[in-house]
Amino acid sequence: MPKRKFEGPTEFEKHLKGVDEIIFDGFENMTERPQGYEDQKVKYSGKKGTHTDIALLMSDKRTWIYYVSDFYDGSNVDFGLFKKEFPPGKGWFKKKKIIVDLGFQGIEKLYEAREIIIGEKKPRKSEGNPKPELAPEQKERNREVSRERIYVEHAIGRLKRFRILKNRCRLKCQNFKNQIIGICAGLWNYELNLNN
């Protein structure tokens, strides 16, 4: 079963003993539109354009799922979840190579790691630069990062084979949904273990 919470860096290091490289990503599960206006605001994901729950997942290049967080409201973002689950300044990743996407912009300022791999962000549009573009070297770097981190997308895809995580979820009990995501991740790890 994947880990759901870490008490501190010691437990994190013990759980990932022998693993040098980890990939993080967030993924969203569509949920029913809540009744109240305030509830609708906290569940609404601007990225997906609908009401969702969002969770953080940690995998490696075998698509083995080491960790999956509880679901949070859809208005949260990937890096915001990351900071909640792994508070900065504790030395979580000192011995690890971390691969993330642009949703984790600013990770290198808050976290120490052996190596952090993240893509290049396109510059903002301005009067001086009305059509911002990345340089060819930056585009190539982004392609390389994508090749490195695609495995976490595959892990998320394996989770979404279970239709309860793919289709719009009608469950109201958050604890039950959190149990479901943990069980689905555990089933994928079990299948991966059998295939190996």
N, C-alpha and C. Protein backbone atom coordinates (compact mmCIF):
# COMPACT_ATOMS: atom_id res chain seq x y z
N MET A 1 0.85 -1.19 0.00
CA MET A 1 0.00 0.00 0.00
C MET A 1 0.88 1.25 0.00
N PRO A 2 0.45 2.28 -0.70
CA PRO A 2 1.22 3.53 -0.65
C PRO A 2 1.06 4.21 0.70
N LYS A 3 2.04 5.01 1.06
CA LYS A 3 1.97 5.78 2.30
C LYS A 3 0.97 6.91 2.09
N ARG A 4 0.24 7.26 3.15
CA ARG A 4 -0.76 8.34 3.04
C ARG A 4 -0.31 9.61 3.75
N LYS A 5 0.61 9.49 4.71
CA LYS A 5 1.07 10.66 5.47
C LYS A 5 2.44 10.32 6.05
N PHE A 6 3.31 11.31 6.11
CA PHE A 6 4.62 11.14 6.73
C PHE A 6 4.72 12.04 7.94
N GLU A 7 5.16 11.46 9.07
CA GLU A 7 5.31 12.24 10.30
C GLU A 7 6.51 13.18 10.22
N GLY A 8 7.53 12.79 9.47
CA GLY A 8 8.71 13.63 9.34
C GLY A 8 9.68 13.06 8.32
N PRO A 9 10.79 13.76 8.08
CA PRO A 9 11.78 13.31 7.09
C PRO A 9 12.38 11.93 7.38
N THR A 10 12.49 11.56 8.65
CA THR A 10 13.05 10.25 9.00
C THR A 10 12.16 9.13 8.48
N GLU A 11 10.86 9.26 8.72
CA GLU A 11 9.90 8.26 8.23
C GLU A 11 9.87 8.25 6.71
N PHE A 12 9.97 9.44 6.10
CA PHE A 12 9.98 9.57 4.64
C PHE A 12 11.19 8.83 4.06
N GLU A 13 12.37 9.04 4.66
CA GLU A 13 13.60 8.41 4.18
C GLU A 13 13.53 6.89 4.35
N LYS A 14 12.95 6.45 5.44
CA LYS A 14 12.82 5.01 5.71
C LYS A 14 11.90 4.36 4.68
N HIS A 15 10.79 5.04 4.35
CA HIS A 15 9.82 4.50 3.39
C HIS A 15 10.41 4.42 1.98
N LEU A 16 11.28 5.38 1.65
CA LEU A 16 11.86 5.43 0.31
C LEU A 16 13.31 4.96 0.29
N LYS A 17 13.65 4.04 1.17
CA LYS A 17 15.02 3.52 1.24
C LYS A 17 15.40 2.88 -0.10
N GLY A 18 16.53 3.31 -0.65
CA GLY A 18 17.00 2.76 -1.92
C GLY A 18 16.42 3.44 -3.15
N VAL A 19 15.52 4.40 -2.96
CA VAL A 19 14.92 5.13 -4.09
C VAL A 19 15.60 6.49 -4.18
N ASP A 20 16.26 6.76 -5.30
CA ASP A 20 17.01 8.01 -5.46
C ASP A 20 16.21 9.08 -6.19
N GLU A 21 15.26 8.63 -7.04
CA GLU A 21 14.57 9.56 -7.93
C GLU A 21 13.06 9.42 -7.75
N ILE A 22 12.39 10.55 -7.49
CA ILE A 22 10.93 10.52 -7.32
C ILE A 22 10.28 11.60 -8.18
N ILE A 23 9.05 11.32 -8.60
CA ILE A 23 8.31 12.23 -9.46
C ILE A 23 6.99 12.57 -8.76
N PHE A 24 6.69 13.86 -8.68
CA PHE A 24 5.45 14.33 -8.05
C PHE A 24 4.50 14.90 -9.10
N ASP A 25 3.21 14.72 -8.86
CA ASP A 25 2.20 15.40 -9.66
C ASP A 25 0.87 15.39 -8.89
N GLY A 26 0.04 16.36 -9.21
CA GLY A 26 -1.30 16.39 -8.64
C GLY A 26 -2.27 15.83 -9.67
N PHE A 27 -3.38 15.26 -9.19
CA PHE A 27 -4.41 14.85 -10.14
C PHE A 27 -5.79 15.11 -9.54
N GLU A 28 -6.72 15.35 -10.44
CA GLU A 28 -8.05 15.79 -10.02
C GLU A 28 -9.11 14.75 -10.35
N ASN A 29 -10.12 14.69 -9.50
CA ASN A 29 -11.26 13.80 -9.67
C ASN A 29 -12.51 14.67 -9.67
N MET A 30 -13.28 14.63 -10.77
CA MET A 30 -14.48 15.45 -10.83
C MET A 30 -15.48 15.03 -9.77
N THR A 31 -16.14 16.01 -9.19
CA THR A 31 -17.13 15.74 -8.16
C THR A 31 -18.41 16.49 -8.51
N GLU A 32 -19.51 16.14 -7.83
CA GLU A 32 -20.77 16.83 -8.10
C GLU A 32 -20.71 18.29 -7.65
N ARG A 33 -21.44 19.14 -8.34
CA ARG A 33 -21.50 20.56 -7.98
C ARG A 33 -22.22 20.71 -6.65
N PRO A 34 -21.55 21.30 -5.65
CA PRO A 34 -22.20 21.45 -4.33
C PRO A 34 -23.38 22.42 -4.39
N GLN A 35 -24.23 22.38 -3.36
CA GLN A 35 -25.43 23.22 -3.32
C GLN A 35 -25.11 24.68 -3.01
N GLY A 36 -24.37 24.94 -1.93
CA GLY A 36 -24.12 26.31 -1.48
C GLY A 36 -23.07 27.03 -2.32
N TYR A 37 -23.20 28.35 -2.41
CA TYR A 37 -22.28 29.15 -3.21
C TYR A 37 -20.84 29.05 -2.69
N GLU A 38 -20.66 29.14 -1.36
CA GLU A 38 -19.31 29.06 -0.77
C GLU A 38 -18.68 27.70 -1.04
N ASP A 39 -19.46 26.63 -0.92
CA ASP A 39 -18.96 25.28 -1.21
C ASP A 39 -18.57 25.15 -2.68
N GLN A 40 -19.36 25.78 -3.55
CA GLN A 40 -19.04 25.74 -4.97
C GLN A 40 -17.71 26.42 -5.26
N LYS A 41 -17.46 27.54 -4.59
CA LYS A 41 -16.20 28.28 -4.80
C LYS A 41 -14.99 27.45 -4.40
N VAL A 42 -15.06 26.75 -3.25
CA VAL A 42 -13.88 25.99 -2.80
C VAL A 42 -13.67 24.71 -3.61
N LYS A 43 -14.73 24.18 -4.20
CA LYS A 43 -14.61 22.96 -5.00
C LYS A 43 -14.25 23.24 -6.46
N TYR A 44 -14.39 24.50 -6.90
CA TYR A 44 -14.21 24.80 -8.32
C TYR A 44 -12.73 24.86 -8.69
N SER A 45 -12.38 24.11 -9.73
CA SER A 45 -11.01 24.10 -10.25
C SER A 45 -10.98 24.91 -11.54
N GLY A 46 -10.23 26.02 -11.53
CA GLY A 46 -10.10 26.84 -12.73
C GLY A 46 -9.40 26.10 -13.85
N LYS A 47 -8.48 25.20 -13.50
CA LYS A 47 -7.73 24.44 -14.49
C LYS A 47 -8.64 23.50 -15.27
N LYS A 48 -9.53 22.81 -14.55
CA LYS A 48 -10.44 21.85 -15.19
C LYS A 48 -11.76 22.49 -15.62
N GLY A 49 -12.09 23.65 -15.05
CA GLY A 49 -13.33 24.32 -15.40
C GLY A 49 -14.56 23.62 -14.86
N THR A 50 -14.39 22.90 -13.77
CA THR A 50 -15.51 22.20 -13.14
C THR A 50 -15.18 22.00 -11.66
N HIS A 51 -16.08 21.35 -10.92
CA HIS A 51 -15.87 21.12 -9.50
C HIS A 51 -15.13 19.80 -9.31
N THR A 52 -14.04 19.85 -8.54
CA THR A 52 -13.18 18.67 -8.40
C THR A 52 -12.66 18.52 -6.98
N ASP A 53 -12.07 17.35 -6.74
CA ASP A 53 -11.19 17.09 -5.60
C ASP A 53 -9.81 16.88 -6.18
N ILE A 54 -8.77 17.27 -5.45
CA ILE A 54 -7.39 17.15 -5.96
C ILE A 54 -6.53 16.42 -4.94
N ALA A 55 -5.63 15.58 -5.42
CA ALA A 55 -4.71 14.84 -4.55
C ALA A 55 -3.30 14.91 -5.14
N LEU A 56 -2.31 14.66 -4.30
CA LEU A 56 -0.90 14.68 -4.70
C LEU A 56 -0.39 13.24 -4.73
N LEU A 57 0.38 12.92 -5.76
CA LEU A 57 0.87 11.55 -5.93
C LEU A 57 2.37 11.55 -6.15
N MET A 58 3.06 10.55 -5.57
CA MET A 58 4.50 10.41 -5.74
C MET A 58 4.79 9.03 -6.33
N SER A 59 5.55 9.02 -7.41
CA SER A 59 5.82 7.78 -8.14
C SER A 59 7.28 7.73 -8.54
N ASP A 60 7.66 6.65 -9.21
CA ASP A 60 8.99 6.56 -9.80
C ASP A 60 8.86 6.11 -11.25
N LYS A 61 9.97 5.78 -11.90
CA LYS A 61 9.92 5.44 -13.32
C LYS A 61 9.35 4.06 -13.60
N ARG A 62 9.11 3.28 -12.54
CA ARG A 62 8.41 1.99 -12.74
C ARG A 62 6.91 2.18 -12.63
N THR A 63 6.46 3.40 -12.37
CA THR A 63 5.07 3.78 -12.08
C THR A 63 4.58 3.22 -10.73
N TRP A 64 5.52 2.84 -9.87
CA TRP A 64 5.18 2.39 -8.52
C TRP A 64 4.74 3.61 -7.71
N ILE A 65 3.61 3.51 -7.04
CA ILE A 65 3.07 4.64 -6.27
C ILE A 65 3.52 4.50 -4.82
N TYR A 66 4.42 5.40 -4.39
CA TYR A 66 4.95 5.37 -3.03
C TYR A 66 4.07 6.13 -2.05
N TYR A 67 3.37 7.12 -2.58
CA TYR A 67 2.61 8.00 -1.69
C TYR A 67 1.45 8.62 -2.46
N VAL A 68 0.30 8.69 -1.81
CA VAL A 68 -0.83 9.44 -2.35
C VAL A 68 -1.50 10.17 -1.19
N SER A 69 -1.74 11.46 -1.36
CA SER A 69 -2.33 12.26 -0.27
C SER A 69 -3.83 12.05 -0.21
N ASP A 70 -4.45 12.62 0.81
CA ASP A 70 -5.91 12.68 0.86
C ASP A 70 -6.39 13.68 -0.18
N PHE A 71 -7.67 13.61 -0.50
CA PHE A 71 -8.26 14.59 -1.41
C PHE A 71 -8.44 15.93 -0.71
N TYR A 72 -8.16 16.99 -1.44
CA TYR A 72 -8.42 18.36 -1.00
C TYR A 72 -9.44 18.97 -1.96
N ASP A 73 -9.99 20.13 -1.59
CA ASP A 73 -10.93 20.82 -2.48
C ASP A 73 -10.23 21.25 -3.76
N GLY A 74 -10.97 21.28 -4.88
CA GLY A 74 -10.42 21.55 -6.20
C GLY A 74 -9.80 22.91 -6.40
N SER A 75 -10.11 23.89 -5.51
CA SER A 75 -9.52 25.23 -5.67
C SER A 75 -8.05 25.25 -5.27
N ASN A 76 -7.56 24.18 -4.63
CA ASN A 76 -6.13 24.08 -4.29
C ASN A 76 -5.31 23.81 -5.54
N VAL A 77 -4.02 24.13 -5.47
CA VAL A 77 -3.11 23.88 -6.59
C VAL A 77 -2.03 22.89 -6.16
N ASP A 78 -1.33 22.31 -7.15
CA ASP A 78 -0.35 21.26 -6.89
C ASP A 78 0.70 21.68 -5.85
N PHE A 79 1.31 22.84 -6.06
CA PHE A 79 2.39 23.26 -5.16
C PHE A 79 1.86 23.61 -3.77
N GLY A 80 0.65 24.13 -3.71
CA GLY A 80 0.02 24.41 -2.42
C GLY A 80 -0.17 23.13 -1.61
N LEU A 81 -0.61 22.06 -2.27
CA LEU A 81 -0.75 20.75 -1.60
C LEU A 81 0.61 20.24 -1.16
N PHE A 82 1.59 20.40 -2.03
CA PHE A 82 2.95 19.93 -1.74
C PHE A 82 3.47 20.57 -0.46
N LYS A 83 3.25 21.90 -0.30
CA LYS A 83 3.71 22.60 0.90
C LYS A 83 2.94 22.18 2.15
N LYS A 84 1.67 21.80 1.99
CA LYS A 84 0.87 21.32 3.13
C LYS A 84 1.34 19.93 3.57
N GLU A 85 1.61 19.07 2.59
CA GLU A 85 1.97 17.69 2.89
C GLU A 85 3.45 17.54 3.31
N PHE A 86 4.31 18.38 2.73
CA PHE A 86 5.74 18.35 3.04
C PHE A 86 6.19 19.76 3.42
N PRO A 87 5.94 20.18 4.67
CA PRO A 87 6.28 21.56 5.07
C PRO A 87 7.75 21.89 4.81
N PRO A 88 8.02 23.08 4.22
CA PRO A 88 9.40 23.45 3.88
C PRO A 88 10.29 23.60 5.12
N GLY A 89 11.61 23.49 4.89
CA GLY A 89 12.58 23.73 5.95
C GLY A 89 12.89 22.53 6.81
N LYS A 90 12.42 21.34 6.44
CA LYS A 90 12.67 20.14 7.26
C LYS A 90 13.66 19.18 6.62
N GLY A 91 14.10 19.47 5.40
CA GLY A 91 15.09 18.61 4.75
C GLY A 91 14.54 17.29 4.25
N TRP A 92 13.34 17.31 3.69
CA TRP A 92 12.70 16.08 3.21
C TRP A 92 13.49 15.41 2.09
N PHE A 93 14.02 16.20 1.16
CA PHE A 93 14.53 15.64 -0.10
C PHE A 93 16.03 15.83 -0.30
N LYS A 94 16.78 15.98 0.78
CA LYS A 94 18.21 16.27 0.67
C LYS A 94 18.96 15.23 -0.15
N LYS A 95 18.54 13.96 -0.08
CA LYS A 95 19.26 12.89 -0.77
C LYS A 95 18.54 12.43 -2.04
N LYS A 96 17.50 13.15 -2.46
CA LYS A 96 16.67 12.70 -3.57
C LYS A 96 16.77 13.62 -4.79
N LYS A 97 16.54 13.02 -5.95
CA LYS A 97 16.36 13.78 -7.18
C LYS A 97 14.85 13.88 -7.39
N ILE A 98 14.35 15.12 -7.53
CA ILE A 98 12.90 15.35 -7.67
C ILE A 98 12.61 15.85 -9.07
N ILE A 99 11.56 15.27 -9.67
CA ILE A 99 11.11 15.70 -10.99
C ILE A 99 9.67 16.20 -10.86
N VAL A 100 9.43 17.43 -11.30
CA VAL A 100 8.09 18.03 -11.19
C VAL A 100 7.77 18.82 -12.45
N ASP A 101 6.49 19.21 -12.60
CA ASP A 101 6.09 20.03 -13.73
C ASP A 101 6.01 21.50 -13.32
N LEU A 102 5.54 22.35 -14.20
CA LEU A 102 5.52 23.79 -13.94
C LEU A 102 4.49 24.19 -12.88
N GLY A 103 3.63 23.27 -12.47
CA GLY A 103 2.70 23.52 -11.37
C GLY A 103 3.42 23.67 -10.03
N PHE A 104 4.71 23.33 -10.00
CA PHE A 104 5.52 23.41 -8.78
C PHE A 104 6.54 24.55 -8.86
N GLN A 105 6.20 25.58 -9.64
CA GLN A 105 7.09 26.72 -9.82
C GLN A 105 7.48 27.32 -8.47
N GLY A 106 8.77 27.48 -8.21
CA GLY A 106 9.25 28.05 -6.95
C GLY A 106 9.74 27.00 -5.96
N ILE A 107 9.68 25.72 -6.34
CA ILE A 107 10.09 24.63 -5.44
C ILE A 107 11.57 24.74 -5.06
N GLU A 108 12.39 25.19 -6.00
CA GLU A 108 13.84 25.26 -5.73
C GLU A 108 14.19 26.32 -4.70
N LYS A 109 13.29 27.30 -4.48
CA LYS A 109 13.55 28.34 -3.48
C LYS A 109 13.23 27.87 -2.06
N LEU A 110 12.28 26.93 -1.94
CA LEU A 110 11.81 26.51 -0.61
C LEU A 110 12.38 25.17 -0.14
N TYR A 111 12.83 24.33 -1.07
CA TYR A 111 13.24 22.98 -0.71
C TYR A 111 14.67 22.69 -1.15
N GLU A 112 15.39 21.98 -0.28
CA GLU A 112 16.72 21.48 -0.61
C GLU A 112 16.57 20.08 -1.17
N ALA A 113 17.29 19.80 -2.25
CA ALA A 113 17.27 18.44 -2.82
C ALA A 113 18.61 18.21 -3.51
N ARG A 114 18.92 16.93 -3.72
CA ARG A 114 20.16 16.60 -4.44
C ARG A 114 20.09 17.21 -5.85
N GLU A 115 18.89 17.11 -6.46
CA GLU A 115 18.66 17.71 -7.78
C GLU A 115 17.16 17.91 -7.96
N ILE A 116 16.78 19.07 -8.52
CA ILE A 116 15.38 19.35 -8.83
C ILE A 116 15.28 19.59 -10.33
N ILE A 117 14.44 18.81 -10.99
CA ILE A 117 14.26 18.96 -12.43
C ILE A 117 12.87 19.54 -12.67
N ILE A 118 12.83 20.72 -13.28
CA ILE A 118 11.58 21.42 -13.59
C ILE A 118 11.77 22.13 -14.92
N GLY A 119 10.70 22.27 -15.70
CA GLY A 119 10.78 22.89 -17.01
C GLY A 119 10.96 24.40 -16.97
N GLU A 120 11.07 24.99 -18.13
CA GLU A 120 11.22 26.44 -18.30
C GLU A 120 9.84 27.05 -18.55
N LYS A 121 9.54 28.13 -17.84
CA LYS A 121 8.25 28.79 -18.01
C LYS A 121 8.37 29.88 -19.08
N LYS A 122 7.32 29.98 -19.91
CA LYS A 122 7.28 31.02 -20.93
C LYS A 122 7.19 32.39 -20.26
N PRO A 123 7.94 33.40 -20.75
CA PRO A 123 7.87 34.73 -20.13
C PRO A 123 6.48 35.35 -20.27
N ARG A 124 6.18 36.29 -19.37
CA ARG A 124 4.88 36.96 -19.41
C ARG A 124 4.76 37.86 -20.64
N LYS A 125 3.52 37.99 -21.10
CA LYS A 125 3.23 38.89 -22.21
C LYS A 125 3.30 40.33 -21.70
N SER A 126 3.93 41.21 -22.47
CA SER A 126 4.05 42.62 -22.09
C SER A 126 4.09 43.48 -23.35
N GLU A 127 4.09 44.79 -23.15
CA GLU A 127 4.15 45.71 -24.30
C GLU A 127 5.45 45.52 -25.07
N GLY A 128 6.53 45.34 -24.34
CA GLY A 128 7.83 45.13 -24.97
C GLY A 128 7.98 43.77 -25.61
N ASN A 129 7.19 42.81 -25.13
CA ASN A 129 7.26 41.44 -25.63
C ASN A 129 5.82 40.91 -25.83
N PRO A 130 5.13 41.34 -26.92
CA PRO A 130 3.72 40.97 -27.08
C PRO A 130 3.49 39.48 -27.41
N LYS A 131 4.51 38.84 -27.99
CA LYS A 131 4.38 37.41 -28.31
C LYS A 131 5.55 36.66 -27.69
N PRO A 132 5.47 36.39 -26.37
CA PRO A 132 6.62 35.73 -25.73
C PRO A 132 6.80 34.29 -26.22
N GLU A 133 8.02 33.94 -26.47
CA GLU A 133 8.36 32.59 -26.93
C GLU A 133 9.57 32.09 -26.16
N LEU A 134 9.64 30.79 -26.02
CA LEU A 134 10.83 30.17 -25.43
C LEU A 134 11.90 30.00 -26.51
N ALA A 135 13.15 30.08 -26.10
CA ALA A 135 14.26 29.84 -27.03
C ALA A 135 14.28 28.36 -27.39
N PRO A 136 14.84 28.00 -28.55
CA PRO A 136 14.89 26.58 -28.95
C PRO A 136 15.53 25.67 -27.89
N GLU A 137 16.59 26.19 -27.21
CA GLU A 137 17.25 25.37 -26.16
C GLU A 137 16.28 25.12 -24.99
N GLN A 138 15.46 26.14 -24.65
CA GLN A 138 14.49 26.00 -23.57
C GLN A 138 13.40 25.00 -23.94
N LYS A 139 12.97 25.05 -25.19
CA LYS A 139 11.95 24.09 -25.67
C LYS A 139 12.49 22.66 -25.59
N GLU A 140 13.76 22.51 -25.99
CA GLU A 140 14.38 21.18 -25.94
C GLU A 140 14.49 20.69 -24.49
N ARG A 141 14.85 21.60 -23.60
CA ARG A 141 14.92 21.26 -22.17
C ARG A 141 13.56 20.82 -21.65
N ASN A 142 12.48 21.52 -22.03
CA ASN A 142 11.12 21.14 -21.61
C ASN A 142 10.74 19.76 -22.13
N ARG A 143 11.18 19.45 -23.36
CA ARG A 143 10.91 18.11 -23.90
C ARG A 143 11.62 17.04 -23.08
N GLU A 144 12.86 17.33 -22.69
CA GLU A 144 13.63 16.39 -21.86
C GLU A 144 12.96 16.17 -20.51
N VAL A 145 12.49 17.26 -19.90
CA VAL A 145 11.80 17.17 -18.60
C VAL A 145 10.53 16.35 -18.74
N SER A 146 9.80 16.58 -19.84
CA SER A 146 8.56 15.82 -20.09
C SER A 146 8.84 14.33 -20.22
N ARG A 147 9.95 14.00 -20.89
CA ARG A 147 10.32 12.59 -21.04
C ARG A 147 10.65 11.96 -19.69
N GLU A 148 11.21 12.76 -18.78
CA GLU A 148 11.56 12.27 -17.45
C GLU A 148 10.32 12.06 -16.57
N ARG A 149 9.34 12.98 -16.68
CA ARG A 149 8.23 12.96 -15.74
C ARG A 149 6.96 12.29 -16.28
N ILE A 150 7.01 11.77 -17.50
CA ILE A 150 5.81 11.14 -18.08
C ILE A 150 5.35 9.92 -17.27
N TYR A 151 6.29 9.32 -16.51
CA TYR A 151 5.96 8.09 -15.77
C TYR A 151 4.93 8.34 -14.68
N VAL A 152 4.94 9.53 -14.08
CA VAL A 152 3.93 9.82 -13.06
C VAL A 152 2.56 9.96 -13.72
N GLU A 153 2.53 10.45 -14.96
CA GLU A 153 1.25 10.52 -15.69
C GLU A 153 0.73 9.11 -15.98
N HIS A 154 1.65 8.19 -16.29
CA HIS A 154 1.25 6.80 -16.50
C HIS A 154 0.69 6.20 -15.21
N ALA A 155 1.31 6.52 -14.07
CA ALA A 155 0.82 6.02 -12.78
C ALA A 155 -0.59 6.54 -12.50
N ILE A 156 -0.82 7.83 -12.80
CA ILE A 156 -2.16 8.41 -12.62
C ILE A 156 -3.15 7.74 -13.56
N GLY A 157 -2.71 7.45 -14.78
CA GLY A 157 -3.56 6.74 -15.74
C GLY A 157 -3.94 5.35 -15.24
N ARG A 158 -2.99 4.67 -14.58
CA ARG A 158 -3.30 3.33 -14.03
C ARG A 158 -4.35 3.44 -12.91
N LEU A 159 -4.25 4.52 -12.12
CA LEU A 159 -5.26 4.74 -11.07
C LEU A 159 -6.63 4.97 -11.69
N LYS A 160 -6.65 5.71 -12.79
CA LYS A 160 -7.93 6.08 -13.39
C LYS A 160 -8.55 4.97 -14.22
N ARG A 161 -7.90 3.80 -14.24
CA ARG A 161 -8.57 2.63 -14.80
C ARG A 161 -9.77 2.26 -13.94
N PHE A 162 -9.68 2.61 -12.65
CA PHE A 162 -10.82 2.41 -11.76
C PHE A 162 -11.78 3.57 -11.99
N ARG A 163 -12.95 3.27 -12.51
CA ARG A 163 -13.85 4.32 -13.02
C ARG A 163 -14.31 5.28 -11.92
N ILE A 164 -14.27 4.84 -10.68
CA ILE A 164 -14.69 5.73 -9.59
C ILE A 164 -13.75 6.93 -9.47
N LEU A 165 -12.50 6.80 -9.95
CA LEU A 165 -11.55 7.91 -9.95
C LEU A 165 -11.52 8.65 -11.28
N LYS A 166 -12.16 8.09 -12.29
CA LYS A 166 -12.17 8.71 -13.62
C LYS A 166 -13.44 9.52 -13.84
N ASN A 167 -14.58 8.93 -13.51
CA ASN A 167 -15.86 9.59 -13.74
C ASN A 167 -16.18 10.56 -12.61
N ARG A 168 -17.20 11.36 -12.82
CA ARG A 168 -17.64 12.31 -11.79
C ARG A 168 -18.13 11.53 -10.58
N CYS A 169 -17.52 11.79 -9.42
CA CYS A 169 -17.82 11.04 -8.20
C CYS A 169 -19.01 11.67 -7.48
N ARG A 170 -19.99 10.84 -7.11
CA ARG A 170 -21.19 11.35 -6.46
C ARG A 170 -21.16 11.12 -4.95
N LEU A 171 -20.09 10.56 -4.46
CA LEU A 171 -19.99 10.31 -3.02
C LEU A 171 -19.86 11.61 -2.24
N LYS A 172 -20.49 11.68 -1.09
CA LYS A 172 -20.42 12.89 -0.26
C LYS A 172 -19.37 12.75 0.85
N CYS A 173 -19.10 11.53 1.28
CA CYS A 173 -18.21 11.30 2.42
C CYS A 173 -16.74 11.36 1.96
N GLN A 174 -16.02 12.39 2.41
CA GLN A 174 -14.62 12.59 2.00
C GLN A 174 -13.73 11.46 2.51
N ASN A 175 -14.00 10.95 3.72
CA ASN A 175 -13.18 9.85 4.27
C ASN A 175 -13.27 8.61 3.39
N PHE A 176 -14.46 8.33 2.90
CA PHE A 176 -14.67 7.17 2.03
C PHE A 176 -13.90 7.34 0.72
N LYS A 177 -13.94 8.56 0.15
CA LYS A 177 -13.20 8.83 -1.08
C LYS A 177 -11.70 8.67 -0.86
N ASN A 178 -11.22 9.11 0.32
CA ASN A 178 -9.80 8.97 0.64
C ASN A 178 -9.40 7.50 0.77
N GLN A 179 -10.28 6.68 1.32
CA GLN A 179 -10.01 5.23 1.40
C GLN A 179 -9.94 4.63 0.01
N ILE A 180 -10.85 5.06 -0.86
CA ILE A 180 -10.93 4.51 -2.22
C ILE A 180 -9.63 4.79 -2.99
N ILE A 181 -9.14 6.03 -2.92
CA ILE A 181 -7.92 6.37 -3.67
C ILE A 181 -6.72 5.55 -3.17
N GLY A 182 -6.65 5.32 -1.85
CA GLY A 182 -5.57 4.51 -1.29
C GLY A 182 -5.65 3.06 -1.75
N ILE A 183 -6.87 2.51 -1.77
CA ILE A 183 -7.07 1.12 -2.20
C ILE A 183 -6.73 0.96 -3.68
N CYS A 184 -7.16 1.91 -4.51
CA CYS A 184 -6.87 1.84 -5.95
C CYS A 184 -5.37 1.88 -6.21
N ALA A 185 -4.66 2.75 -5.48
CA ALA A 185 -3.20 2.84 -5.63
C ALA A 185 -2.54 1.53 -5.17
N GLY A 186 -3.04 0.97 -4.07
CA GLY A 186 -2.52 -0.31 -3.57
C GLY A 186 -2.74 -1.45 -4.57
N LEU A 187 -3.90 -1.46 -5.22
CA LEU A 187 -4.20 -2.50 -6.22
C LEU A 187 -3.27 -2.39 -7.42
N TRP A 188 -2.96 -1.14 -7.83
CA TRP A 188 -2.03 -0.98 -8.95
C TRP A 188 -0.64 -1.47 -8.55
N ASN A 189 -0.17 -1.13 -7.35
CA ASN A 189 1.14 -1.60 -6.89
C ASN A 189 1.18 -3.12 -6.83
N TYR A 190 0.07 -3.71 -6.39
CA TYR A 190 -0.01 -5.18 -6.29
C TYR A 190 0.11 -5.81 -7.69
N GLU A 191 -0.59 -5.23 -8.66
CA GLU A 191 -0.52 -5.74 -10.04
C GLU A 191 0.90 -5.59 -10.60
N LEU A 192 1.51 -4.46 -10.32
CA LEU A 192 2.87 -4.21 -10.80
C LEU A 192 3.85 -5.22 -10.18
N ASN A 193 3.65 -5.53 -8.91
CA ASN A 193 4.47 -6.50 -8.20
C ASN A 193 4.30 -7.89 -8.81
N LEU A 194 3.08 -8.27 -9.14
CA LEU A 194 2.81 -9.57 -9.76
C LEU A 194 3.48 -9.67 -11.13
N ASN A 195 3.40 -8.59 -11.92
CA ASN A 195 3.96 -8.59 -13.28
C ASN A 195 5.49 -8.69 -13.23
N ASN A 196 6.10 -8.13 -12.17
CA ASN A 196 7.56 -8.19 -12.05
C ASN A 196 8.01 -9.53 -11.51
